[in-house]
PDB file of N, CA and C in Angstrom:
ATOM      1  N   UNK A   1      -1.408 -20.136  34.848  1.00  0.00           N
ATOM      2  CA  UNK A   1      -0.220 -20.455  34.521  1.00  0.00           C
ATOM      3  C   UNK A   1       0.428 -21.556  35.779  1.00  0.00           C
ATOM      4  N   UNK A   2       0.212 -23.096  35.928  1.00  0.00           N
ATOM      5  CA  UNK A   2       0.555 -23.369  37.108  1.00  0.00           C
ATOM      6  C   UNK A   2       2.098 -23.123  37.324  1.00  0.00           C
ATOM      7  N   UNK A   3       2.922 -22.994  36.491  1.00  0.00           N
ATOM      8  CA  UNK A   3       4.387 -23.046  36.920  1.00  0.00           C
ATOM      9  C   UNK A   3       4.663 -21.550  37.620  1.00  0.00           C
ATOM     10  N   UNK A   4       3.508 -20.581  37.205  1.00  0.00           N
ATOM     11  CA  UNK A   4       3.937 -19.366  38.040  1.00  0.00           C
ATOM     12  C   UNK A   4       3.739 -19.266  39.258  1.00  0.00           C
ATOM     13  N   UNK A   5       2.519 -20.295  39.550  1.00  0.00           N
ATOM     14  CA  UNK A   5       1.687 -20.220  40.685  1.00  0.00           C
ATOM     15  C   UNK A   5       2.920 -20.953  41.480  1.00  0.00           C
ATOM     16  N   UNK A   6       3.449 -22.037  41.210  1.00  0.00           N
ATOM     17  CA  UNK A   6       4.594 -22.943  42.018  1.00  0.00           C
ATOM     18  C   UNK A   6       5.762 -21.743  42.172  1.00  0.00           C
ATOM     19  N   UNK A   7       6.216 -21.033  41.458  1.00  0.00           N
ATOM     20  CA  UNK A   7       7.597 -20.197  41.364  1.00  0.00           C
ATOM     21  C   UNK A   7       6.963 -19.302  42.824  1.00  0.00           C
ATOM     22  N   UNK A   8       5.896 -18.601  42.531  1.00  0.00           N
ATOM     23  CA  UNK A   8       5.312 -17.595  43.508  1.00  0.00           C
ATOM     24  C   UNK A   8       4.738 -18.373  44.904  1.00  0.00           C
ATOM     25  N   UNK A   9       5.054 -19.678  45.129  1.00  0.00           N
ATOM     26  CA  UNK A   9       4.478 -19.981  46.300  1.00  0.00           C
ATOM     27  C   UNK A   9       5.160 -19.444  47.552  1.00  0.00           C
ATOM     28  N   UNK A  10       6.459 -19.346  47.457  1.00  0.00           N
ATOM     29  CA  UNK A  10       6.983 -18.650  48.624  1.00  0.00           C
ATOM     30  C   UNK A  10       6.503 -17.649  49.038  1.00  0.00           C
ATOM     31  N   UNK A  11       5.957 -16.592  48.146  1.00  0.00           N
ATOM     32  CA  UNK A  11       5.479 -15.422  48.612  1.00  0.00           C
ATOM     33  C   UNK A  11       3.900 -15.698  49.570  1.00  0.00           C
ATOM     34  N   UNK A  12       3.324 -16.758  49.051  1.00  0.00           N
ATOM     35  CA  UNK A  12       2.048 -17.193  50.113  1.00  0.00           C
ATOM     36  C   UNK A  12       2.235 -17.677  51.316  1.00  0.00           C
ATOM     37  N   UNK A  13       3.378 -17.406  52.121  1.00  0.00           N
ATOM     38  CA  UNK A  13       3.386 -17.855  53.506  1.00  0.00           C
ATOM     39  C   UNK A  13       2.150 -17.197  54.299  1.00  0.00           C
ATOM     40  N   UNK A  14       1.896 -17.998  55.263  1.00  0.00           N
ATOM     41  CA  UNK A  14       0.745 -17.550  55.874  1.00  0.00           C
ATOM     42  C   UNK A  14       1.333 -16.329  57.053  1.00  0.00           C
ATOM     43  N   UNK A  15       2.321 -16.137  56.966  1.00  0.00           N
ATOM     44  CA  UNK A  15       2.893 -15.152  58.107  1.00  0.00           C
ATOM     45  C   UNK A  15       3.108 -13.917  57.363  1.00  0.00           C
ATOM     46  N   UNK A  16       2.868 -13.904  55.984  1.00  0.00           N
ATOM     47  CA  UNK A  16       3.517 -12.381  55.307  1.00  0.00           C
ATOM     48  C   UNK A  16       2.378 -11.486  55.236  1.00  0.00           C
ATOM     49  N   UNK A  17       2.992 -10.464  55.006  1.00  0.00           N
ATOM     50  CA  UNK A  17       1.966  -9.538  55.146  1.00  0.00           C
ATOM     51  C   UNK A  17       1.359  -8.966  53.630  1.00  0.00           C
ATOM     52  N   UNK A  18       0.311  -8.793  53.438  1.00  0.00           N
ATOM     53  CA  UNK A  18      -0.370  -8.407  52.211  1.00  0.00           C
ATOM     54  C   UNK A  18       0.006  -7.429  51.585  1.00  0.00           C
ATOM     55  N   UNK A  19       0.618  -7.359  50.341  1.00  0.00           N
ATOM     56  CA  UNK A  19       1.139  -6.036  49.532  1.00  0.00           C
ATOM     57  C   UNK A  19       0.718  -5.949  48.133  1.00  0.00           C
ATOM     58  N   UNK A  20       0.439  -5.148  47.711  1.00  0.00           N
ATOM     59  CA  UNK A  20       0.066  -5.018  46.132  1.00  0.00           C
ATOM     60  C   UNK A  20       0.872  -5.785  45.119  1.00  0.00           C
ATOM     61  N   UNK A  21       1.840  -5.820  45.594  1.00  0.00           N
ATOM     62  CA  UNK A  21       2.877  -6.502  44.696  1.00  0.00           C
ATOM     63  C   UNK A  21       3.224  -7.987  44.855  1.00  0.00           C
ATOM     64  N   UNK A  22       2.194  -8.417  45.078  1.00  0.00           N
ATOM     65  CA  UNK A  22       2.172  -9.928  45.671  1.00  0.00           C
ATOM     66  C   UNK A  22       1.324 -10.243  44.211  1.00  0.00           C
ATOM     67  N   UNK A  23       1.474 -11.449  43.568  1.00  0.00           N
ATOM     68  CA  UNK A  23       0.575 -12.249  42.726  1.00  0.00           C
ATOM     69  C   UNK A  23      -0.955 -12.352  43.259  1.00  0.00           C
ATOM     70  N   UNK A  24      -1.981 -12.226  42.635  1.00  0.00           N
ATOM     71  CA  UNK A  24      -3.190 -11.895  42.623  1.00  0.00           C
ATOM     72  C   UNK A  24      -3.572 -12.890  43.218  1.00  0.00           C
ATOM     73  N   UNK A  25      -3.428 -14.249  43.039  1.00  0.00           N
ATOM     74  CA  UNK A  25      -3.418 -15.815  43.756  1.00  0.00           C
ATOM     75  C   UNK A  25      -3.180 -15.676  45.080  1.00  0.00           C
ATOM     76  N   UNK A  26      -2.076 -14.957  45.438  1.00  0.00           N
ATOM     77  CA  UNK A  26      -1.447 -15.220  46.871  1.00  0.00           C
ATOM     78  C   UNK A  26      -2.417 -14.233  47.707  1.00  0.00           C
ATOM     79  N   UNK A  27      -2.812 -13.109  47.090  1.00  0.00           N
ATOM     80  CA  UNK A  27      -3.669 -12.266  47.840  1.00  0.00           C
ATOM     81  C   UNK A  27      -4.962 -12.770  48.078  1.00  0.00           C
ATOM     82  N   UNK A  28      -5.473 -13.512  47.354  1.00  0.00           N
ATOM     83  CA  UNK A  28      -6.752 -13.979  47.244  1.00  0.00           C
ATOM     84  C   UNK A  28      -6.845 -15.174  48.541  1.00  0.00           C
ATOM     85  N   UNK A  29      -5.608 -16.228  48.403  1.00  0.00           N
ATOM     86  CA  UNK A  29      -5.703 -17.093  49.330  1.00  0.00           C
ATOM     87  C   UNK A  29      -5.484 -17.003  50.843  1.00  0.00           C
ATOM     88  N   UNK A  30      -4.422 -15.783  51.160  1.00  0.00           N
ATOM     89  CA  UNK A  30      -4.740 -15.169  52.361  1.00  0.00           C
ATOM     90  C   UNK A  30      -5.805 -14.664  52.502  1.00  0.00           C
ATOM     91  N   UNK A  31      -6.292 -13.816  51.879  1.00  0.00           N
ATOM     92  CA  UNK A  31      -7.891 -13.436  52.556  1.00  0.00           C
ATOM     93  C   UNK A  31      -8.500 -14.790  52.891  1.00  0.00           C
ATOM     94  N   UNK A  32      -8.446 -15.556  52.160  1.00  0.00           N
ATOM     95  CA  UNK A  32      -9.591 -16.586  52.303  1.00  0.00           C
ATOM     96  C   UNK A  32      -9.371 -17.748  53.521  1.00  0.00           C
ATOM     97  N   UNK A  33      -7.824 -17.646  53.909  1.00  0.00           N
ATOM     98  CA  UNK A  33      -7.585 -18.077  55.081  1.00  0.00           C
ATOM     99  C   UNK A  33      -8.199 -17.416  56.218  1.00  0.00           C
ATOM    100  N   UNK A  34      -8.732 -16.254  55.958  1.00  0.00           N
ATOM    101  CA  UNK A  34      -9.249 -15.469  57.147  1.00  0.00           C
ATOM    102  C   UNK A  34     -10.907 -15.280  57.368  1.00  0.00           C
ATOM    103  N   UNK A  35     -11.288 -16.377  56.150  1.00  0.00           N
ATOM    104  CA  UNK A  35     -12.925 -16.475  56.027  1.00  0.00           C
ATOM    105  C   UNK A  35     -13.220 -18.220  56.709  1.00  0.00           C
ATOM    106  N   UNK A  36     -14.091 -17.950  57.122  1.00  0.00           N
ATOM    107  CA  UNK A  36     -15.286 -19.212  57.415  1.00  0.00           C
ATOM    108  C   UNK A  36     -15.176 -20.014  56.405  1.00  0.00           C
ATOM    109  N   UNK A  37     -16.253 -20.995  56.576  1.00  0.00           N
ATOM    110  CA  UNK A  37     -16.427 -22.283  55.874  1.00  0.00           C
ATOM    111  C   UNK A  37     -17.497 -21.203  54.313  1.00  0.00           C
ATOM    112  N   UNK A  38     -18.068 -20.379  54.312  1.00  0.00           N
ATOM    113  CA  UNK A  38     -18.712 -19.813  52.966  1.00  0.00           C
ATOM    114  C   UNK A  38     -17.811 -18.584  53.110  1.00  0.00           C
ATOM    115  N   UNK A  39     -17.674 -17.999  51.939  1.00  0.00           N
ATOM    116  CA  UNK A  39     -17.024 -17.067  51.677  1.00  0.00           C
ATOM    117  C   UNK A  39     -18.151 -15.832  50.659  1.00  0.00           C
ATOM    118  N   UNK A  40     -18.476 -14.451  50.904  1.00  0.00           N
ATOM    119  CA  UNK A  40     -19.335 -13.959  50.406  1.00  0.00           C
ATOM    120  C   UNK A  40     -18.256 -13.547  49.246  1.00  0.00           C
ATOM    121  N   UNK A  41     -18.428 -13.470  47.890  1.00  0.00           N
ATOM    122  CA  UNK A  41     -17.738 -13.373  46.856  1.00  0.00           C
ATOM    123  C   UNK A  41     -17.460 -11.585  46.508  1.00  0.00           C
ATOM    124  N   UNK A  42     -18.364 -10.894  46.958  1.00  0.00           N
ATOM    125  CA  UNK A  42     -18.806  -9.381  46.949  1.00  0.00           C
ATOM    126  C   UNK A  42     -17.593  -9.000  47.730  1.00  0.00           C
ATOM    127  N   UNK A  43     -17.886  -9.349  49.417  1.00  0.00           N
ATOM    128  CA  UNK A  43     -17.320  -9.188  50.304  1.00  0.00           C
ATOM    129  C   UNK A  43     -15.385  -9.164  50.577  1.00  0.00           C
ATOM    130  N   UNK A  44     -15.292 -10.705  49.421  1.00  0.00           N
ATOM    131  CA  UNK A  44     -14.070 -11.239  49.428  1.00  0.00           C
ATOM    132  C   UNK A  44     -13.682  -9.769  48.071  1.00  0.00           C
ATOM    133  N   UNK A  45     -14.117  -9.626  47.104  1.00  0.00           N
ATOM    134  CA  UNK A  45     -13.392  -8.832  46.010  1.00  0.00           C
ATOM    135  C   UNK A  45     -13.156  -7.671  46.905  1.00  0.00           C
ATOM    136  N   UNK A  46     -14.087  -7.092  47.651  1.00  0.00           N
ATOM    137  CA  UNK A  46     -13.927  -5.668  48.222  1.00  0.00           C
ATOM    138  C   UNK A  46     -12.450  -5.705  48.919  1.00  0.00           C
ATOM    139  N   UNK A  47     -12.290  -7.115  49.716  1.00  0.00           N
ATOM    140  CA  UNK A  47     -10.839  -7.099  50.382  1.00  0.00           C
ATOM    141  C   UNK A  47      -9.516  -6.866  49.562  1.00  0.00           C
ATOM    142  N   UNK A  48      -9.917  -7.819  48.515  1.00  0.00           N
ATOM    143  CA  UNK A  48      -9.032  -7.697  47.371  1.00  0.00           C
ATOM    144  C   UNK A  48      -8.545  -6.449  46.804  1.00  0.00           C
ATOM    145  N   UNK A  49      -9.558  -5.846  46.455  1.00  0.00           N
ATOM    146  CA  UNK A  49      -9.216  -4.003  46.228  1.00  0.00           C
ATOM    147  C   UNK A  49      -9.044  -3.255  47.305  1.00  0.00           C
ATOM    148  N   UNK A  50      -8.796  -3.495  48.206  1.00  0.00           N
ATOM    149  CA  UNK A  50      -8.464  -2.709  49.317  1.00  0.00           C
ATOM    150  C   UNK A  50      -6.868  -3.289  49.654  1.00  0.00           C
ATOM    151  N   UNK A  51      -6.397  -4.345  49.170  1.00  0.00           N
ATOM    152  CA  UNK A  51      -4.985  -4.642  49.212  1.00  0.00           C
ATOM    153  C   UNK A  51      -4.102  -4.245  47.921  1.00  0.00           C
ATOM    154  N   UNK A  52      -5.086  -4.448  46.912  1.00  0.00           N
ATOM    155  CA  UNK A  52      -4.174  -4.276  45.352  1.00  0.00           C
ATOM    156  C   UNK A  52      -4.531  -2.484  44.989  1.00  0.00           C
ATOM    157  N   UNK A  53      -5.695  -1.956  45.485  1.00  0.00           N
ATOM    158  CA  UNK A  53      -5.665  -0.542  45.134  1.00  0.00           C
ATOM    159  C   UNK A  53      -6.632   0.183  46.412  1.00  0.00           C
ATOM    160  N   UNK A  54      -5.920   0.513  47.358  1.00  0.00           N
ATOM    161  CA  UNK A  54      -6.624   0.882  48.442  1.00  0.00           C
ATOM    162  C   UNK A  54      -7.251   2.225  47.816  1.00  0.00           C
ATOM    163  N   UNK A  55      -6.496   3.139  47.247  1.00  0.00           N
ATOM    164  CA  UNK A  55      -7.257   3.999  46.650  1.00  0.00           C
ATOM    165  C   UNK A  55      -8.322   4.189  45.947  1.00  0.00           C
ATOM    166  N   UNK A  56      -8.408   3.229  45.049  1.00  0.00           N
ATOM    167  CA  UNK A  56      -9.557   2.791  44.076  1.00  0.00           C
ATOM    168  C   UNK A  56     -10.977   2.355  45.543  1.00  0.00           C
ATOM    169  N   UNK A  57     -10.989   1.789  46.153  1.00  0.00           N
ATOM    170  CA  UNK A  57     -11.800   1.560  47.005  1.00  0.00           C
ATOM    171  C   UNK A  57     -12.590   2.798  47.378  1.00  0.00           C
ATOM    172  N   UNK A  58     -11.639   3.738  48.282  1.00  0.00           N
ATOM    173  CA  UNK A  58     -12.398   5.091  48.768  1.00  0.00           C
ATOM    174  C   UNK A  58     -12.979   5.720  47.785  1.00  0.00           C
ATOM    175  N   UNK A  59     -12.633   5.699  46.642  1.00  0.00           N
ATOM    176  CA  UNK A  59     -13.174   6.378  45.618  1.00  0.00           C
ATOM    177  C   UNK A  59     -14.535   5.767  45.076  1.00  0.00           C
ATOM    178  N   UNK A  60     -14.520   4.422  44.881  1.00  0.00           N
ATOM    179  CA  UNK A  60     -15.630   3.587  44.854  1.00  0.00           C
ATOM    180  C   UNK A  60     -16.852   3.621  45.688  1.00  0.00           C
ATOM    181  N   UNK A  61     -16.420   3.940  46.833  1.00  0.00           N
ATOM    182  CA  UNK A  61     -17.290   3.644  47.837  1.00  0.00           C
ATOM    183  C   UNK A  61     -18.218   5.038  47.782  1.00  0.00           C
ATOM    184  N   UNK A  62     -17.871   5.977  47.011  1.00  0.00           N
ATOM    185  CA  UNK A  62     -18.511   7.508  46.848  1.00  0.00           C
ATOM    186  C   UNK A  62     -19.709   6.949  45.629  1.00  0.00           C
ATOM    187  N   UNK A  63     -19.068   6.412  44.617  1.00  0.00           N
ATOM    188  CA  UNK A  63     -19.849   5.752  43.369  1.00  0.00           C
ATOM    189  C   UNK A  63     -21.061   4.655  43.880  1.00  0.00           C
ATOM    190  N   UNK A  64     -21.653   4.100  42.830  1.00  0.00           N
ATOM    191  CA  UNK A  64     -22.881   3.032  42.560  1.00  0.00           C
ATOM    192  C   UNK A  64     -21.757   1.956  43.159  1.00  0.00           C
ATOM    193  N   UNK A  65     -20.992   1.608  43.710  1.00  0.00           N
ATOM    194  CA  UNK A  65     -20.141   0.211  43.863  1.00  0.00           C
ATOM    195  C   UNK A  65     -19.995  -0.352  42.762  1.00  0.00           C
ATOM    196  N   UNK A  66     -19.809   0.167  41.715  1.00  0.00           N
ATOM    197  CA  UNK A  66     -19.293  -0.118  40.524  1.00  0.00           C
ATOM    198  C   UNK A  66     -17.862  -0.088  40.696  1.00  0.00           C
ATOM    199  N   UNK A  67     -17.208  -1.512  40.197  1.00  0.00           N
ATOM    200  CA  UNK A  67     -15.840  -2.138  40.127  1.00  0.00           C
ATOM    201  C   UNK A  67     -15.145  -1.995  38.511  1.00  0.00           C
ATOM    202  N   UNK A  68     -13.885  -1.484  38.812  1.00  0.00           N
ATOM    203  CA  UNK A  68     -13.344  -1.743  37.583  1.00  0.00           C
ATOM    204  C   UNK A  68     -13.586  -2.728  36.389  1.00  0.00           C
ATOM    205  N   UNK A  69     -13.575  -3.077  35.491  1.00  0.00           N
ATOM    206  CA  UNK A  69     -13.657  -4.412  35.243  1.00  0.00           C
ATOM    207  C   UNK A  69     -12.273  -5.125  35.152  1.00  0.00           C
ATOM    208  N   UNK A  70     -11.153  -4.355  34.756  1.00  0.00           N
ATOM    209  CA  UNK A  70      -9.780  -4.907  35.084  1.00  0.00           C
ATOM    210  C   UNK A  70      -9.680  -5.364  36.013  1.00  0.00           C
ATOM    211  N   UNK A  71      -9.985  -4.879  37.507  1.00  0.00           N
ATOM    212  CA  UNK A  71      -9.792  -5.383  38.724  1.00  0.00           C
ATOM    213  C   UNK A  71     -10.751  -6.599  39.158  1.00  0.00           C
ATOM    214  N   UNK A  72     -11.945  -6.481  38.377  1.00  0.00           N
ATOM    215  CA  UNK A  72     -13.140  -7.611  38.731  1.00  0.00           C
ATOM    216  C   UNK A  72     -12.239  -8.827  37.791  1.00  0.00           C
ATOM    217  N   UNK A  73     -11.980  -8.789  36.540  1.00  0.00           N
ATOM    218  CA  UNK A  73     -11.304  -9.682  36.274  1.00  0.00           C
ATOM    219  C   UNK A  73      -9.968 -10.659  36.668  1.00  0.00           C
ATOM    220  N   UNK A  74      -9.222  -9.619  37.482  1.00  0.00           N
ATOM    221  CA  UNK A  74      -8.524 -10.250  37.746  1.00  0.00           C
ATOM    222  C   UNK A  74      -8.435 -11.076  39.275  1.00  0.00           C
ATOM    223  N   UNK A  75      -9.866 -10.609  40.026  1.00  0.00           N
ATOM    224  CA  UNK A  75     -10.187 -11.456  41.035  1.00  0.00           C
ATOM    225  C   UNK A  75     -10.867 -12.293  40.654  1.00  0.00           C
ATOM    226  N   UNK A  76     -11.694 -12.561  39.643  1.00  0.00           N
ATOM    227  CA  UNK A  76     -12.060 -13.708  39.082  1.00  0.00           C
ATOM    228  C   UNK A  76     -11.365 -14.958  38.693  1.00  0.00           C
ATOM    229  N   UNK A  77     -10.149 -14.547  37.869  1.00  0.00           N
ATOM    230  CA  UNK A  77      -8.945 -15.078  37.496  1.00  0.00           C
ATOM    231  C   UNK A  77      -8.234 -16.177  38.575  1.00  0.00           C
ATOM    232  N   UNK A  78      -8.384 -14.975  39.778  1.00  0.00           N
ATOM    233  CA  UNK A  78      -7.504 -15.510  41.070  1.00  0.00           C
ATOM    234  C   UNK A  78      -8.585 -16.469  41.492  1.00  0.00           C
ATOM    235  N   UNK A  79      -9.696 -16.267  41.871  1.00  0.00           N
ATOM    236  CA  UNK A  79     -10.668 -17.310  42.498  1.00  0.00           C
ATOM    237  C   UNK A  79     -10.579 -18.526  41.767  1.00  0.00           C
ATOM    238  N   UNK A  80     -10.620 -18.212  40.594  1.00  0.00           N
ATOM    239  CA  UNK A  80     -10.878 -19.612  39.539  1.00  0.00           C
ATOM    240  C   UNK A  80      -9.580 -20.112  39.947  1.00  0.00           C
ATOM    241  N   UNK A  81      -8.064 -19.708  40.172  1.00  0.00           N
ATOM    242  CA  UNK A  81      -7.032 -20.596  40.081  1.00  0.00           C
ATOM    243  C   UNK A  81      -7.257 -21.238  41.792  1.00  0.00           C
ATOM    244  N   UNK A  82      -8.005 -20.624  42.563  1.00  0.00           N
ATOM    245  CA  UNK A  82      -7.927 -21.115  43.949  1.00  0.00           C
ATOM    246  C   UNK A  82      -9.126 -22.364  43.744  1.00  0.00           C
ATOM    247  N   UNK A  83      -9.991 -22.461  42.597  1.00  0.00           N
ATOM    248  CA  UNK A  83     -11.255 -23.331  42.427  1.00  0.00           C
ATOM    249  C   UNK A  83     -10.243 -24.403  41.907  1.00  0.00           C
ATOM    250  N   UNK A  84      -9.461 -24.134  41.160  1.00  0.00           N
ATOM    251  CA  UNK A  84      -8.713 -25.181  39.911  1.00  0.00           C
ATOM    252  C   UNK A  84      -7.836 -26.223  41.087  1.00  0.00           C
ATOM    253  N   UNK A  85      -7.400 -25.130  41.924  1.00  0.00           N
ATOM    254  CA  UNK A  85      -6.160 -26.090  42.914  1.00  0.00           C
ATOM    255  C   UNK A  85      -7.044 -26.327  44.052  1.00  0.00           C
ATOM    256  N   UNK A  86      -8.394 -26.691  44.452  1.00  0.00           N
ATOM    257  CA  UNK A  86      -9.272 -27.326  45.020  1.00  0.00           C
ATOM    258  C   UNK A  86      -9.237 -26.284  46.629  1.00  0.00           C
ATOM    259  N   UNK A  87      -8.995 -25.208  46.783  1.00  0.00           N
ATOM    260  CA  UNK A  87      -9.405 -24.522  47.845  1.00  0.00           C
ATOM    261  C   UNK A  87     -10.714 -24.355  48.548  1.00  0.00           C
ATOM    262  N   UNK A  88     -11.489 -23.576  46.580  1.00  0.00           N
ATOM    263  CA  UNK A  88     -13.015 -23.569  47.180  1.00  0.00           C
ATOM    264  C   UNK A  88     -13.916 -24.392  46.177  1.00  0.00           C
ATOM    265  N   UNK A  89     -15.407 -23.931  46.038  1.00  0.00           N
ATOM    266  CA  UNK A  89     -16.011 -24.648  45.230  1.00  0.00           C
ATOM    267  C   UNK A  89     -17.292 -23.817  45.308  1.00  0.00           C
ATOM    268  N   UNK A  90     -17.767 -23.934  43.853  1.00  0.00           N
ATOM    269  CA  UNK A  90     -19.261 -22.703  44.354  1.00  0.00           C
ATOM    270  C   UNK A  90     -20.498 -23.527  44.934  1.00  0.00           C
ATOM    271  N   UNK A  91     -21.016 -23.131  45.508  1.00  0.00           N
ATOM    272  CA  UNK A  91     -22.181 -23.653  46.211  1.00  0.00           C
ATOM    273  C   UNK A  91     -23.798 -23.286  45.726  1.00  0.00           C
ATOM    274  N   UNK A  92     -24.439 -24.392  45.566  1.00  0.00           N
ATOM    275  CA  UNK A  92     -25.667 -24.348  45.281  1.00  0.00           C
ATOM    276  C   UNK A  92     -26.696 -23.463  46.242  1.00  0.00           C
ATOM    277  N   UNK A  93     -26.661 -23.466  47.566  1.00  0.00           N
ATOM    278  CA  UNK A  93     -27.220 -23.160  48.513  1.00  0.00           C
ATOM    279  C   UNK A  93     -27.469 -21.513  48.128  1.00  0.00           C
ATOM    280  N   UNK A  94     -25.889 -20.990  48.137  1.00  0.00           N
ATOM    281  CA  UNK A  94     -26.015 -19.514  48.150  1.00  0.00           C
ATOM    282  C   UNK A  94     -25.062 -19.200  46.762  1.00  0.00           C
ATOM    283  N   UNK A  95     -25.756 -18.695  45.383  1.00  0.00           N
ATOM    284  CA  UNK A  95     -24.901 -18.315  44.421  1.00  0.00           C
ATOM    285  C   UNK A  95     -24.130 -17.326  44.618  1.00  0.00           C
ATOM    286  N   UNK A  96     -23.762 -16.309  45.762  1.00  0.00           N
ATOM    287  CA  UNK A  96     -22.995 -15.586  45.639  1.00  0.00           C
ATOM    288  C   UNK A  96     -22.072 -15.532  46.598  1.00  0.00           C
ATOM    289  N   UNK A  97     -21.728 -16.932  47.094  1.00  0.00           N
ATOM    290  CA  UNK A  97     -20.719 -17.233  47.879  1.00  0.00           C
ATOM    291  C   UNK A  97     -20.036 -18.570  46.934  1.00  0.00           C
ATOM    292  N   UNK A  98     -18.854 -18.961  47.978  1.00  0.00           N
ATOM    293  CA  UNK A  98     -17.887 -20.050  47.553  1.00  0.00           C
ATOM    294  C   UNK A  98     -18.084 -20.743  49.110  1.00  0.00           C
ATOM    295  N   UNK A  99     -18.083 -22.191  48.617  1.00  0.00           N
ATOM    296  CA  UNK A  99     -17.488 -22.749  49.716  1.00  0.00           C
ATOM    297  C   UNK A  99     -16.004 -23.400  50.335  1.00  0.00           C
ATOM    298  N   UNK A 100     -15.568 -23.045  51.210  1.00  0.00           N
ATOM    299  CA  UNK A 100     -14.045 -23.163  51.570  1.00  0.00           C
ATOM    300  C   UNK A 100     -13.980 -24.809  51.654  1.00  0.00           C
ATOM    301  N   UNK A 101     -12.789 -25.621  51.210  1.00  0.00           N
ATOM    302  CA  UNK A 101     -12.653 -26.689  51.426  1.00  0.00           C
ATOM    303  C   UNK A 101     -11.713 -27.262  51.887  1.00  0.00           C
ATOM    304  N   UNK A 102     -10.496 -26.017  52.478  1.00  0.00           N
ATOM    305  CA  UNK A 102      -9.393 -26.552  53.316  1.00  0.00           C
ATOM    306  C   UNK A 102      -9.478 -25.346  54.633  1.00  0.00           C
ATOM    307  N   UNK A 103      -8.983 -26.055  55.612  1.00  0.00           N
ATOM    308  CA  UNK A 103      -8.771 -25.212  57.096  1.00  0.00           C
ATOM    309  C   UNK A 103      -7.267 -24.957  57.455  1.00  0.00           C
ATOM    310  N   UNK A 104      -6.887 -24.014  58.041  1.00  0.00           N
ATOM    311  CA  UNK A 104      -5.569 -23.613  58.393  1.00  0.00           C
ATOM    312  C   UNK A 104      -4.948 -23.311  57.503  1.00  0.00           C
ATOM    313  N   UNK A 105      -3.792 -22.847  57.621  1.00  0.00           N
ATOM    314  CA  UNK A 105      -2.796 -22.741  56.669  1.00  0.00           C
ATOM    315  C   UNK A 105      -1.856 -24.223  55.946  1.00  0.00           C
ATOM    316  N   UNK A 106      -2.333 -24.389  54.974  1.00  0.00           N
ATOM    317  CA  UNK A 106      -2.002 -25.673  54.283  1.00  0.00           C
ATOM    318  C   UNK A 106      -0.457 -25.511  53.538  1.00  0.00           C
TER     319      UNK A 106
END
């Protein structure tokens, strides 16, 4: 919902510390600022899980890299919102990556 994104824009400042109670799109946005031109989706999702549920990441590292479907859906929705807003786009060259379209703290 775009109105929710606009209301939560204050919590997406580049100098704020990432916490689990932030909106998912803000967490994904902050993590995207730390990446280069190409962002590996799996690495990005692991960083997202480390912020949202750090204890889950430790448990999952012992298993076969299976991610809880609810966390994967939250991650996919947040990435889709960034794509809708024009921050990232899929790439044909590497299907497991997205391309960053902005630079610096916008």
